[in-house]
C-alpha atoms as a PDB file:
ATOM      1  CA  MET A   1     -69.345  -4.403  39.807  1.00  0.00           C
ATOM      2  CA  LYS A   2     -68.494  -6.930  37.109  1.00  0.00           C
ATOM      3  CA  LYS A   3     -71.111  -7.221  34.380  1.00  0.00           C
ATOM      4  CA  GLN A   4     -72.927 -10.543  34.238  1.00  0.00           C
ATOM      5  CA  PHE A   5     -73.574 -11.987  30.784  1.00  0.00           C
ATOM      6  CA  SER A   6     -75.564 -15.031  29.767  1.00  0.00           C
ATOM      7  CA  LYS A   7     -73.080 -15.848  26.991  1.00  0.00           C
ATOM      8  CA  ASP A   8     -69.666 -14.469  26.034  1.00  0.00           C
ATOM      9  CA  VAL A   9     -68.962 -12.045  23.210  1.00  0.00           C
ATOM     10  CA  CYS A  10     -65.258 -12.404  22.449  1.00  0.00           C
ATOM     11  CA  SER A  11     -63.907  -9.934  19.921  1.00  0.00           C
ATOM     12  CA  VAL A  12     -61.268 -11.062  17.430  1.00  0.00           C
ATOM     13  CA  MET A  13     -59.094  -7.997  17.707  1.00  0.00           C
ATOM     14  CA  LEU A  14     -57.890  -5.936  14.777  1.00  0.00           C
ATOM     15  CA  THR A  15     -54.465  -4.299  14.700  1.00  0.00           C
ATOM     16  CA  SER A  16     -54.173  -0.577  14.080  1.00  0.00           C
ATOM     17  CA  PHE A  17     -51.046   0.238  12.062  1.00  0.00           C
ATOM     18  CA  ASN A  18     -49.313   3.577  11.601  1.00  0.00           C
ATOM     19  CA  ASP A  19     -48.539   4.808   8.080  1.00  0.00           C
ATOM     20  CA  ASP A  20     -45.139   3.094   8.274  1.00  0.00           C
ATOM     21  CA  LYS A  21     -46.991  -0.147   9.206  1.00  0.00           C
ATOM     22  CA  SER A  22     -45.671  -0.148  12.774  1.00  0.00           C
ATOM     23  CA  ILE A  23     -48.210  -0.970  15.498  1.00  0.00           C
ATOM     24  CA  ASP A  24     -50.316   2.013  16.562  1.00  0.00           C
ATOM     25  CA  LEU A  25     -50.777   1.598  20.314  1.00  0.00           C
ATOM     26  CA  ASN A  26     -53.107   4.592  20.637  1.00  0.00           C
ATOM     27  CA  GLY A  27     -55.385   2.984  18.075  1.00  0.00           C
ATOM     28  CA  LEU A  28     -55.201  -0.298  19.999  1.00  0.00           C
ATOM     29  CA  ARG A  29     -56.367   1.397  23.195  1.00  0.00           C
ATOM     30  CA  SER A  30     -59.232   3.158  21.429  1.00  0.00           C
ATOM     31  CA  LEU A  31     -60.279  -0.184  19.979  1.00  0.00           C
ATOM     32  CA  ILE A  32     -60.205  -1.932  23.368  1.00  0.00           C
ATOM     33  CA  ASP A  33     -62.434   0.767  24.875  1.00  0.00           C
ATOM     34  CA  PHE A  34     -64.879   0.356  21.986  1.00  0.00           C
ATOM     35  CA  TYR A  35     -65.088  -3.414  22.414  1.00  0.00           C
ATOM     36  CA  ILE A  36     -65.685  -3.275  26.149  1.00  0.00           C
ATOM     37  CA  ASP A  37     -68.076  -0.309  26.049  1.00  0.00           C
ATOM     38  CA  ASN A  38     -70.226  -2.146  23.508  1.00  0.00           C
ATOM     39  CA  GLY A  39     -70.663  -5.484  25.218  1.00  0.00           C
ATOM     40  CA  CYS A  40     -67.526  -7.583  24.727  1.00  0.00           C
ATOM     41  CA  ASN A  41     -66.518  -9.406  27.893  1.00  0.00           C
ATOM     42  CA  ALA A  42     -63.582 -11.201  26.274  1.00  0.00           C
ATOM     43  CA  LEU A  43     -60.860 -10.201  23.801  1.00  0.00           C
ATOM     44  CA  PHE A  44     -58.751 -12.377  21.501  1.00  0.00           C
ATOM     45  CA  ALA A  45     -55.495 -10.557  20.757  1.00  0.00           C
ATOM     46  CA  ALA A  46     -52.979 -11.576  18.080  1.00  0.00           C
ATOM     47  CA  CYS A  47     -55.504 -13.660  16.138  1.00  0.00           C
ATOM     48  CA  SER A  48     -56.145 -13.952  12.392  1.00  0.00           C
ATOM     49  CA  SER A  49     -58.092 -10.673  12.377  1.00  0.00           C
ATOM     50  CA  SER A  50     -55.015  -9.069  13.951  1.00  0.00           C
ATOM     51  CA  GLU A  51     -53.066 -10.068  10.801  1.00  0.00           C
ATOM     52  CA  VAL A  52     -50.976 -12.265  13.088  1.00  0.00           C
ATOM     53  CA  LEU A  53     -49.192 -14.097  10.262  1.00  0.00           C
ATOM     54  CA  TYR A  54     -47.746 -10.712   9.217  1.00  0.00           C
ATOM     55  CA  LEU A  55     -46.499  -9.858  12.719  1.00  0.00           C
ATOM     56  CA  THR A  56     -43.093 -10.606  14.197  1.00  0.00           C
ATOM     57  CA  ARG A  57     -42.831 -12.632  17.374  1.00  0.00           C
ATOM     58  CA  ASP A  58     -41.946  -9.497  19.349  1.00  0.00           C
ATOM     59  CA  GLU A  59     -44.976  -7.683  17.908  1.00  0.00           C
ATOM     60  CA  ILE A  60     -47.267 -10.556  18.934  1.00  0.00           C
ATOM     61  CA  VAL A  61     -45.925 -10.316  22.474  1.00  0.00           C
ATOM     62  CA  THR A  62     -46.318  -6.516  22.441  1.00  0.00           C
ATOM     63  CA  LEU A  63     -49.955  -6.755  21.337  1.00  0.00           C
ATOM     64  CA  CYS A  64     -50.693  -9.284  24.068  1.00  0.00           C
ATOM     65  CA  ARG A  65     -48.937  -7.318  26.806  1.00  0.00           C
ATOM     66  CA  GLU A  66     -50.486  -3.979  25.843  1.00  0.00           C
ATOM     67  CA  THR A  67     -53.958  -5.519  25.611  1.00  0.00           C
ATOM     68  CA  VAL A  68     -53.688  -7.125  29.055  1.00  0.00           C
ATOM     69  CA  ASP A  69     -52.272  -3.972  30.629  1.00  0.00           C
ATOM     70  CA  TYR A  70     -54.785  -1.557  29.116  1.00  0.00           C
ATOM     71  CA  THR A  71     -57.785  -3.824  29.610  1.00  0.00           C
ATOM     72  CA  ALA A  72     -56.862  -3.953  33.303  1.00  0.00           C
ATOM     73  CA  GLY A  73     -59.313  -6.710  34.172  1.00  0.00           C
ATOM     74  CA  ARG A  74     -62.307  -5.182  32.384  1.00  0.00           C
ATOM     75  CA  ALA A  75     -62.500  -8.227  30.084  1.00  0.00           C
ATOM     76  CA  GLU A  76     -60.847 -11.606  29.825  1.00  0.00           C
ATOM     77  CA  VAL A  77     -57.933 -11.582  27.382  1.00  0.00           C
ATOM     78  CA  PHE A  78     -56.814 -14.527  25.260  1.00  0.00           C
ATOM     79  CA  GLY A  79     -53.677 -14.246  23.147  1.00  0.00           C
ATOM     80  CA  GLY A  80     -52.630 -16.053  20.007  1.00  0.00           C
ATOM     81  CA  ALA A  81     -49.450 -18.120  20.225  1.00  0.00           C
ATOM     82  CA  ILE A  82     -49.788 -18.507  16.490  1.00  0.00           C
ATOM     83  CA  CYS A  83     -46.792 -19.345  14.321  1.00  0.00           C
ATOM     84  CA  GLN A  84     -46.035 -21.765  11.517  1.00  0.00           C
ATOM     85  CA  SER A  85     -42.769 -23.086  12.944  1.00  0.00           C
ATOM     86  CA  SER A  86     -41.262 -25.943  14.939  1.00  0.00           C
ATOM     87  CA  LEU A  87     -42.867 -27.283  18.115  1.00  0.00           C
ATOM     88  CA  ALA A  88     -39.932 -25.925  20.124  1.00  0.00           C
ATOM     89  CA  GLU A  89     -40.533 -22.429  18.732  1.00  0.00           C
ATOM     90  CA  GLN A  90     -44.257 -22.759  19.391  1.00  0.00           C
ATOM     91  CA  ALA A  91     -43.548 -23.721  23.003  1.00  0.00           C
ATOM     92  CA  GLU A  92     -41.208 -20.739  23.328  1.00  0.00           C
ATOM     93  CA  LEU A  93     -43.870 -18.346  22.013  1.00  0.00           C
ATOM     94  CA  ILE A  94     -46.430 -19.778  24.427  1.00  0.00           C
ATOM     95  CA  LYS A  95     -44.045 -19.013  27.310  1.00  0.00           C
ATOM     96  CA  MET A  96     -43.363 -15.498  26.013  1.00  0.00           C
ATOM     97  CA  ILE A  97     -47.089 -14.768  25.790  1.00  0.00           C
ATOM     98  CA  LYS A  98     -47.694 -16.091  29.284  1.00  0.00           C
ATOM     99  CA  ASP A  99     -44.887 -13.864  30.547  1.00  0.00           C
ATOM    100  CA  ALA A 100     -46.711 -10.957  28.851  1.00  0.00           C
ATOM    101  CA  GLY A 101     -49.726 -11.594  31.095  1.00  0.00           C
ATOM    102  CA  ILE A 102     -51.884 -13.904  28.964  1.00  0.00           C
ATOM    103  CA  GLU A 103     -53.329 -16.702  31.105  1.00  0.00           C
ATOM    104  CA  VAL A 104     -54.629 -18.717  28.136  1.00  0.00           C
ATOM    105  CA  PRO A 105     -52.362 -18.681  25.049  1.00  0.00           C
ATOM    106  CA  VAL A 106     -54.232 -19.917  21.964  1.00  0.00           C
ATOM    107  CA  ILE A 107     -52.759 -22.169  19.295  1.00  0.00           C
ATOM    108  CA  THR A 108     -54.285 -22.992  15.911  1.00  0.00           C
ATOM    109  CA  THR A 109     -55.207 -26.467  14.733  1.00  0.00           C
ATOM    110  CA  ASN A 110     -53.178 -25.957  11.543  1.00  0.00           C
ATOM    111  CA  GLN A 111     -49.864 -25.130  13.221  1.00  0.00           C
ATOM    112  CA  LEU A 112     -49.467 -28.667  14.567  1.00  0.00           C
ATOM    113  CA  CYS A 113     -48.928 -30.369  11.221  1.00  0.00           C
ATOM    114  CA  LYS A 114     -48.750 -29.911   7.460  1.00  0.00           C
ATOM    115  CA  GLU A 115     -51.935 -29.662   5.447  1.00  0.00           C
ATOM    116  CA  ASP A 116     -51.745 -33.232   4.108  1.00  0.00           C
ATOM    117  CA  ASP A 117     -50.505 -34.910   7.306  1.00  0.00           C
ATOM    118  CA  PRO A 118     -52.712 -37.679   8.732  1.00  0.00           C
ATOM    119  CA  SER A 119     -54.523 -37.398  12.041  1.00  0.00           C
ATOM    120  CA  ASP A 120     -51.936 -39.480  13.898  1.00  0.00           C
ATOM    121  CA  VAL A 121     -49.253 -36.906  13.142  1.00  0.00           C
ATOM    122  CA  TRP A 122     -51.481 -34.110  14.408  1.00  0.00           C
ATOM    123  CA  LYS A 123     -52.302 -35.996  17.619  1.00  0.00           C
ATOM    124  CA  ASP A 124     -48.674 -36.858  18.268  1.00  0.00           C
ATOM    125  CA  ASN A 125     -47.569 -33.259  17.791  1.00  0.00           C
ATOM    126  CA  LEU A 126     -50.314 -32.004  20.097  1.00  0.00           C
ATOM    127  CA  LEU A 127     -49.214 -34.355  22.867  1.00  0.00           C
ATOM    128  CA  ARG A 128     -45.577 -33.373  22.370  1.00  0.00           C
ATOM    129  CA  LEU A 129     -46.440 -29.668  22.605  1.00  0.00           C
ATOM    130  CA  LEU A 130     -48.424 -30.286  25.769  1.00  0.00           C
ATOM    131  CA  GLU A 131     -45.400 -32.006  27.292  1.00  0.00           C
ATOM    132  CA  MET A 132     -43.246 -28.992  26.410  1.00  0.00           C
ATOM    133  CA  THR A 133     -45.584 -26.462  28.039  1.00  0.00           C
ATOM    134  CA  ASP A 134     -47.681 -26.035  31.160  1.00  0.00           C
ATOM    135  CA  GLY A 135     -50.875 -24.287  32.177  1.00  0.00           C
ATOM    136  CA  PRO A 136     -54.129 -23.746  30.285  1.00  0.00           C
ATOM    137  CA  LEU A 137     -54.219 -23.312  26.516  1.00  0.00           C
ATOM    138  CA  GLY A 138     -56.754 -22.463  23.849  1.00  0.00           C
ATOM    139  CA  MET A 139     -57.317 -23.898  20.386  1.00  0.00           C
ATOM    140  CA  TYR A 140     -58.611 -22.183  17.247  1.00  0.00           C
ATOM    141  CA  GLU A 141     -59.646 -23.714  13.926  1.00  0.00           C
ATOM    142  CA  SER A 142     -58.044 -20.879  11.978  1.00  0.00           C
ATOM    143  CA  PRO A 143     -58.719 -20.750   8.220  1.00  0.00           C
ATOM    144  CA  PHE A 144     -55.221 -19.366   7.573  1.00  0.00           C
ATOM    145  CA  PRO A 145     -52.942 -20.525   6.031  1.00  0.00           C
ATOM    146  CA  PHE A 146     -55.216 -23.550   5.564  1.00  0.00           C
ATOM    147  CA  VAL A 147     -58.318 -24.927   7.274  1.00  0.00           C
ATOM    148  CA  ARG A 148     -57.969 -27.907   9.578  1.00  0.00           C
ATOM    149  CA  LEU A 149     -61.244 -28.794  11.277  1.00  0.00           C
ATOM    150  CA  LEU A 150     -61.034 -31.298  14.110  1.00  0.00           C
ATOM    151  CA  SER A 151     -62.542 -34.749  13.851  1.00  0.00           C
ATOM    152  CA  THR A 152     -64.577 -36.044  16.793  1.00  0.00           C
ATOM    153  CA  ASP A 153     -61.716 -38.175  18.097  1.00  0.00           C
ATOM    154  CA  GLU A 154     -59.279 -35.257  17.828  1.00  0.00           C
ATOM    155  CA  MET A 155     -61.762 -33.097  19.738  1.00  0.00           C
ATOM    156  CA  GLN A 156     -62.042 -35.827  22.340  1.00  0.00           C
ATOM    157  CA  LEU A 157     -58.236 -35.812  22.746  1.00  0.00           C
ATOM    158  CA  VAL A 158     -58.271 -32.050  23.249  1.00  0.00           C
ATOM    159  CA  VAL A 159     -60.959 -32.273  25.937  1.00  0.00           C
ATOM    160  CA  ASP A 160     -59.477 -35.340  27.644  1.00  0.00           C
ATOM    161  CA  SER A 161     -56.089 -33.611  27.967  1.00  0.00           C
ATOM    162  CA  GLY A 162     -57.638 -31.274  30.532  1.00  0.00           C
ATOM    163  CA  ARG A 163     -55.373 -28.476  29.306  1.00  0.00           C
ATOM    164  CA  PHE A 164     -57.741 -26.478  27.115  1.00  0.00           C
ATOM    165  CA  ALA A 165     -59.824 -23.612  28.477  1.00  0.00           C
ATOM    166  CA  PHE A 166     -60.801 -22.061  25.113  1.00  0.00           C
ATOM    167  CA  PHE A 167     -61.953 -23.467  21.791  1.00  0.00           C
ATOM    168  CA  LYS A 168     -62.942 -21.449  18.711  1.00  0.00           C
ATOM    169  CA  ASP A 169     -64.907 -23.480  16.175  1.00  0.00           C
ATOM    170  CA  THR A 170     -65.113 -22.596  12.478  1.00  0.00           C
ATOM    171  CA  CYS A 171     -66.886 -25.633  11.024  1.00  0.00           C
ATOM    172  CA  CYS A 172     -69.983 -23.501  10.193  1.00  0.00           C
ATOM    173  CA  ASN A 173     -72.157 -26.602  10.421  1.00  0.00           C
ATOM    174  CA  ILE A 174     -74.758 -27.092  13.143  1.00  0.00           C
ATOM    175  CA  ASP A 175     -74.368 -30.876  13.211  1.00  0.00           C
ATOM    176  CA  GLY A 176     -70.609 -30.569  13.605  1.00  0.00           C
ATOM    177  CA  LEU A 177     -71.087 -27.965  16.316  1.00  0.00           C
ATOM    178  CA  LYS A 178     -73.504 -30.222  18.202  1.00  0.00           C
ATOM    179  CA  GLU A 179     -71.020 -33.097  18.163  1.00  0.00           C
ATOM    180  CA  LYS A 180     -68.186 -30.974  19.519  1.00  0.00           C
ATOM    181  CA  ILE A 181     -70.370 -29.309  22.159  1.00  0.00           C
ATOM    182  CA  GLN A 182     -71.482 -32.727  23.378  1.00  0.00           C
ATOM    183  CA  ILE A 183     -67.857 -33.841  23.641  1.00  0.00           C
ATOM    184  CA  LYS A 184     -66.829 -30.783  25.652  1.00  0.00           C
ATOM    185  CA  ASP A 185     -69.868 -30.908  27.982  1.00  0.00           C
ATOM    186  CA  GLY A 186     -68.786 -31.531  31.549  1.00  0.00           C
ATOM    187  CA  SER A 187     -65.376 -29.985  30.943  1.00  0.00           C
ATOM    188  CA  SER A 188     -64.263 -26.480  31.894  1.00  0.00           C
ATOM    189  CA  MET A 189     -63.454 -25.557  28.303  1.00  0.00           C
ATOM    190  CA  ALA A 190     -65.267 -22.494  26.920  1.00  0.00           C
ATOM    191  CA  PHE A 191     -66.619 -23.220  23.426  1.00  0.00           C
ATOM    192  CA  TYR A 192     -67.016 -20.319  20.978  1.00  0.00           C
ATOM    193  CA  ASN A 193     -68.697 -20.319  17.576  1.00  0.00           C
ATOM    194  CA  ALA A 194     -67.179 -18.058  14.904  1.00  0.00           C
ATOM    195  CA  ASN A 195     -70.061 -18.377  12.433  1.00  0.00           C
ATOM    196  CA  VAL A 196     -73.102 -16.082  12.452  1.00  0.00           C
ATOM    197  CA  ASP A 197     -75.415 -18.354  10.431  1.00  0.00           C
ATOM    198  CA  THR A 198     -75.228 -21.082  13.087  1.00  0.00           C
ATOM    199  CA  LEU A 199     -74.833 -18.761  16.075  1.00  0.00           C
ATOM    200  CA  VAL A 200     -78.315 -19.019  17.586  1.00  0.00           C
ATOM    201  CA  GLY A 201     -78.482 -22.762  17.018  1.00  0.00           C
ATOM    202  CA  SER A 202     -75.110 -23.279  18.674  1.00  0.00           C
ATOM    203  CA  LEU A 203     -76.051 -21.108  21.670  1.00  0.00           C
ATOM    204  CA  ASP A 204     -79.240 -23.127  22.066  1.00  0.00           C
ATOM    205  CA  GLU A 205     -77.137 -26.306  22.013  1.00  0.00           C
ATOM    206  CA  GLY A 206     -74.834 -25.041  24.763  1.00  0.00           C
ATOM    207  CA  ALA A 207     -72.058 -23.050  23.100  1.00  0.00           C
ATOM    208  CA  ASP A 208     -70.552 -20.525  25.488  1.00  0.00           C
ATOM    209  CA  GLY A 209     -70.614 -17.573  23.119  1.00  0.00           C
ATOM    210  CA  TYR A 210     -69.462 -15.949  19.907  1.00  0.00           C
ATOM    211  CA  CYS A 211     -65.922 -15.215  18.754  1.00  0.00           C
ATOM    212  CA  GLY A 212     -65.893 -13.935  15.178  1.00  0.00           C
ATOM    213  CA  THR A 213     -65.531 -11.042  12.776  1.00  0.00           C
ATOM    214  CA  ALA A 214     -69.011  -9.547  13.288  1.00  0.00           C
ATOM    215  CA  ALA A 215     -67.898  -8.378  16.738  1.00  0.00           C
ATOM    216  CA  ASN A 216     -65.573  -5.974  14.916  1.00  0.00           C
ATOM    217  CA  PHE A 217     -68.585  -4.155  13.517  1.00  0.00           C
ATOM    218  CA  TYR A 218     -71.503  -4.308  15.964  1.00  0.00           C
ATOM    219  CA  PRO A 219     -70.641  -6.172  19.167  1.00  0.00           C
ATOM    220  CA  GLU A 220     -73.729  -4.757  20.876  1.00  0.00           C
ATOM    221  CA  VAL A 221     -75.944  -6.545  18.334  1.00  0.00           C
ATOM    222  CA  ILE A 222     -74.094  -9.802  19.024  1.00  0.00           C
ATOM    223  CA  ARG A 223     -74.497  -9.090  22.728  1.00  0.00           C
ATOM    224  CA  LEU A 224     -78.276  -8.795  22.536  1.00  0.00           C
ATOM    225  CA  ILE A 225     -78.456 -12.055  20.561  1.00  0.00           C
ATOM    226  CA  CYS A 226     -76.256 -13.885  23.063  1.00  0.00           C
ATOM    227  CA  ASP A 227     -78.219 -12.552  26.030  1.00  0.00           C
ATOM    228  CA  ASN A 228     -81.621 -13.362  24.497  1.00  0.00           C
ATOM    229  CA  HIS A 229     -80.895 -16.332  22.221  1.00  0.00           C
ATOM    230  CA  ALA A 230     -83.739 -18.423  23.665  1.00  0.00           C
ATOM    231  CA  ASP A 231     -86.317 -15.795  22.592  1.00  0.00           C
ATOM    232  CA  HIS A 232     -86.172 -16.336  18.841  1.00  0.00           C
ATOM    233  CA  ASP A 233     -88.946 -13.848  18.066  1.00  0.00           C
ATOM    234  CA  LEU A 234     -87.241 -11.062  20.002  1.00  0.00           C
ATOM    235  CA  ILE A 235     -83.854 -11.535  18.362  1.00  0.00           C
ATOM    236  CA  LYS A 236     -85.056 -12.291  14.809  1.00  0.00           C
ATOM    237  CA  PRO A 237     -84.416  -8.765  13.397  1.00  0.00           C
ATOM    238  CA  ALA A 238     -80.917  -8.748  14.904  1.00  0.00           C
ATOM    239  CA  PHE A 239     -80.158 -12.278  13.727  1.00  0.00           C
ATOM    240  CA  ASP A 240     -81.384 -11.554  10.196  1.00  0.00           C
ATOM    241  CA  PHE A 241     -79.268  -8.395  10.192  1.00  0.00           C
ATOM    242  CA  ILE A 242     -75.956 -10.031  11.147  1.00  0.00           C
ATOM    243  CA  ARG A 243     -76.450 -12.848   8.634  1.00  0.00           C
ATOM    244  CA  LYS A 244     -77.140 -10.387   5.803  1.00  0.00           C
ATOM    245  CA  GLY A 245     -74.368  -8.069   6.957  1.00  0.00           C
ATOM    246  CA  GLU A 246     -71.616 -10.554   6.094  1.00  0.00           C
ATOM    247  CA  ASP A 247     -72.026  -9.673   2.407  1.00  0.00           C
ATOM    248  CA  ALA A 248     -70.917  -6.097   3.064  1.00  0.00           C
ATOM    249  CA  PHE A 249     -67.387  -7.026   4.125  1.00  0.00           C
ATOM    250  CA  LYS A 250     -66.596 -10.609   3.143  1.00  0.00           C
ATOM    251  CA  ASN A 251     -64.239  -9.542   0.312  1.00  0.00           C
ATOM    252  CA  THR A 252     -62.589  -6.527   1.958  1.00  0.00           C
ATOM    253  CA  TYR A 253     -61.953  -7.648   5.538  1.00  0.00           C
ATOM    254  CA  PRO A 254     -60.119  -6.500   7.675  1.00  0.00           C
ATOM    255  CA  LEU A 255     -59.944  -3.134   5.889  1.00  0.00           C
ATOM    256  CA  ALA A 256     -63.739  -2.908   5.861  1.00  0.00           C
ATOM    257  CA  ALA A 257     -63.832  -3.385   9.633  1.00  0.00           C
ATOM    258  CA  LYS A 258     -61.270  -0.625  10.192  1.00  0.00           C
ATOM    259  CA  TYR A 259     -63.271   1.718   7.953  1.00  0.00           C
ATOM    260  CA  PHE A 260     -66.518   0.828   9.741  1.00  0.00           C
ATOM    261  CA  LEU A 261     -64.974   1.365  13.162  1.00  0.00           C
ATOM    262  CA  GLN A 262     -63.573   4.720  12.084  1.00  0.00           C
ATOM    263  CA  LYS A 263     -67.123   5.734  11.222  1.00  0.00           C
ATOM    264  CA  ARG A 264     -68.160   4.572  14.679  1.00  0.00           C
ATOM    265  CA  GLY A 265     -65.575   6.815  16.332  1.00  0.00           C
ATOM    266  CA  VAL A 266     -62.667   4.450  16.943  1.00  0.00           C
ATOM    267  CA  ASP A 267     -59.343   6.256  16.575  1.00  0.00           C
ATOM    268  CA  MET A 268     -57.614   3.769  14.307  1.00  0.00           C
ATOM    269  CA  LYS A 269     -55.989   3.971  10.900  1.00  0.00           C
ATOM    270  CA  LEU A 270     -56.956   2.052   7.759  1.00  0.00           C
ATOM    271  CA  ASN A 271     -53.503   0.611   7.121  1.00  0.00           C
ATOM    272  CA  CYS A 272     -53.185  -3.171   6.731  1.00  0.00           C
ATOM    273  CA  ARG A 273     -50.232  -5.508   6.291  1.00  0.00           C
ATOM    274  CA  THR A 274     -52.227  -8.268   4.678  1.00  0.00           C
ATOM    275  CA  GLU A 275     -53.033  -7.948   0.988  1.00  0.00           C
ATOM    276  CA  VAL A 276     -56.581  -6.676   0.721  1.00  0.00           C
ATOM    277  CA  LYS A 277     -58.588  -4.899  -1.940  1.00  0.00           C
ATOM    278  CA  THR A 278     -59.015  -1.170  -1.481  1.00  0.00           C
ATOM    279  CA  LEU A 279     -62.520  -0.024  -0.692  1.00  0.00           C
ATOM    280  CA  ALA A 280     -64.396   1.085  -3.796  1.00  0.00           C
ATOM    281  CA  SER A 281     -67.167   3.658  -3.514  1.00  0.00           C
ATOM    282  CA  LYS A 282     -69.745   0.850  -3.651  1.00  0.00           C
ATOM    283  CA  ASP A 283     -68.029  -0.869  -0.707  1.00  0.00           C
ATOM    284  CA  GLU A 284     -68.111   2.321   1.331  1.00  0.00           C
ATOM    285  CA  GLN A 285     -71.793   2.755   0.481  1.00  0.00           C
ATOM    286  CA  MET A 286     -72.561  -0.814   1.573  1.00  0.00           C
ATOM    287  CA  LEU A 287     -70.797  -0.207   4.877  1.00  0.00           C
ATOM    288  CA  SER A 288     -72.618   3.079   5.419  1.00  0.00           C
ATOM    289  CA  THR A 289     -75.918   1.320   4.791  1.00  0.00           C
ATOM    290  CA  LEU A 290     -74.857  -1.422   7.192  1.00  0.00           C
ATOM    291  CA  LEU A 291     -74.232   1.165   9.906  1.00  0.00           C
ATOM    292  CA  SER A 292     -77.637   2.734   9.329  1.00  0.00           C
ATOM    293  CA  ASP A 293     -79.307  -0.678   9.423  1.00  0.00           C
ATOM    294  CA  MET A 294     -77.507  -1.458  12.675  1.00  0.00           C
ATOM    295  CA  HIS A 295     -79.071   1.591  14.344  1.00  0.00           C
ATOM    296  CA  ASP A 296     -82.490   0.539  13.036  1.00  0.00           C
ATOM    297  CA  VAL A 297     -82.087  -2.967  14.470  1.00  0.00           C
ATOM    298  CA  LEU A 298     -81.108  -1.617  17.871  1.00  0.00           C
ATOM    299  CA  LYS A 299     -84.159   0.686  17.853  1.00  0.00           C
ATOM    300  CA  ILE A 300     -86.431  -2.251  17.028  1.00  0.00           C
ATOM    301  CA  TYR A 301     -84.947  -4.194  19.929  1.00  0.00           C
ATOM    302  CA  GLU A 302     -85.440  -1.286  22.321  1.00  0.00           C
ATOM    303  CA  GLN A 303     -89.065  -0.928  21.212  1.00  0.00           C
ATOM    304  CA  LYS A 304     -89.737  -4.658  21.645  1.00  0.00           C
ATOM    305  CA  SER A 305     -88.097  -4.648  25.053  1.00  0.00           C
ATOM    306  CA  CYS A 306     -90.156  -1.676  26.185  1.00  0.00           C
ATOM    307  CA  THR A 307     -93.361  -3.295  24.938  1.00  0.00           C
ATOM    308  CA  SER A 308     -92.635  -6.585  26.701  1.00  0.00           C
ATOM    309  CA  GLU A 309     -92.014  -4.760  30.004  1.00  0.00           C
ATOM    310  CA  LYS A 310     -95.439  -3.071  29.966  1.00  0.00           C
END
């Protein structure tokens, strides 16, 4: 029987690399099992956390295909059609990803124009890309290689197109989130918040779930928040924990996540393609403490749940 969730937890997938920096498919499969076993009902392959800007086009397609095949319907799979290239090449990658089994290829807001281009250029390029492709798409306000947050009228264009089934927001501002959620209301587009500080507020306002880096550490904690977001007293220890936890990995991600998941039993290597600081002993200690605190938070939740059932 398919699990029923009140809100989605969509993991932004890491990429396990072998020592020669080739993709480690065994590590990928171990990671997928971890995500699903711990409460993720959606996966976002070939995203920023996957180090997508350091992957070749063929590697992006491989990640998407292997994720769809191994997941085998246990979770919904989105795939990043992410490249800083011409619209024709973007359209080609979208087709390749769809052929790999991804139903909703995801583009980034910053791949449609240059950083200093005006809104009209962005809108025109979006409409041109839509004409060059078919089927549902997703959109992601990726911070790499530069941040391009959507204005309200750009968001309205996205919703009015009727083509978008997925949106990942990174504005990290509750007022901005409210505006976008109001615009998408009544549409079939799933709206995900990537920011933990505004997570509960956005869920209360009608966001469809979480899609961010914290799901690479403790998806089950995100799951309990998403399932119980209306009970602020019940989820307070978990919410306080995830907000504080960001400090443990903000400067060493994604390496910190790979280290943390190794400690949690995921069979993946620590190799990265992106330039990232090595983990100092203090970083490893912070992550070990974070893991211990995670277990404490889950125990508190279990105790509260048991008490409320009596």
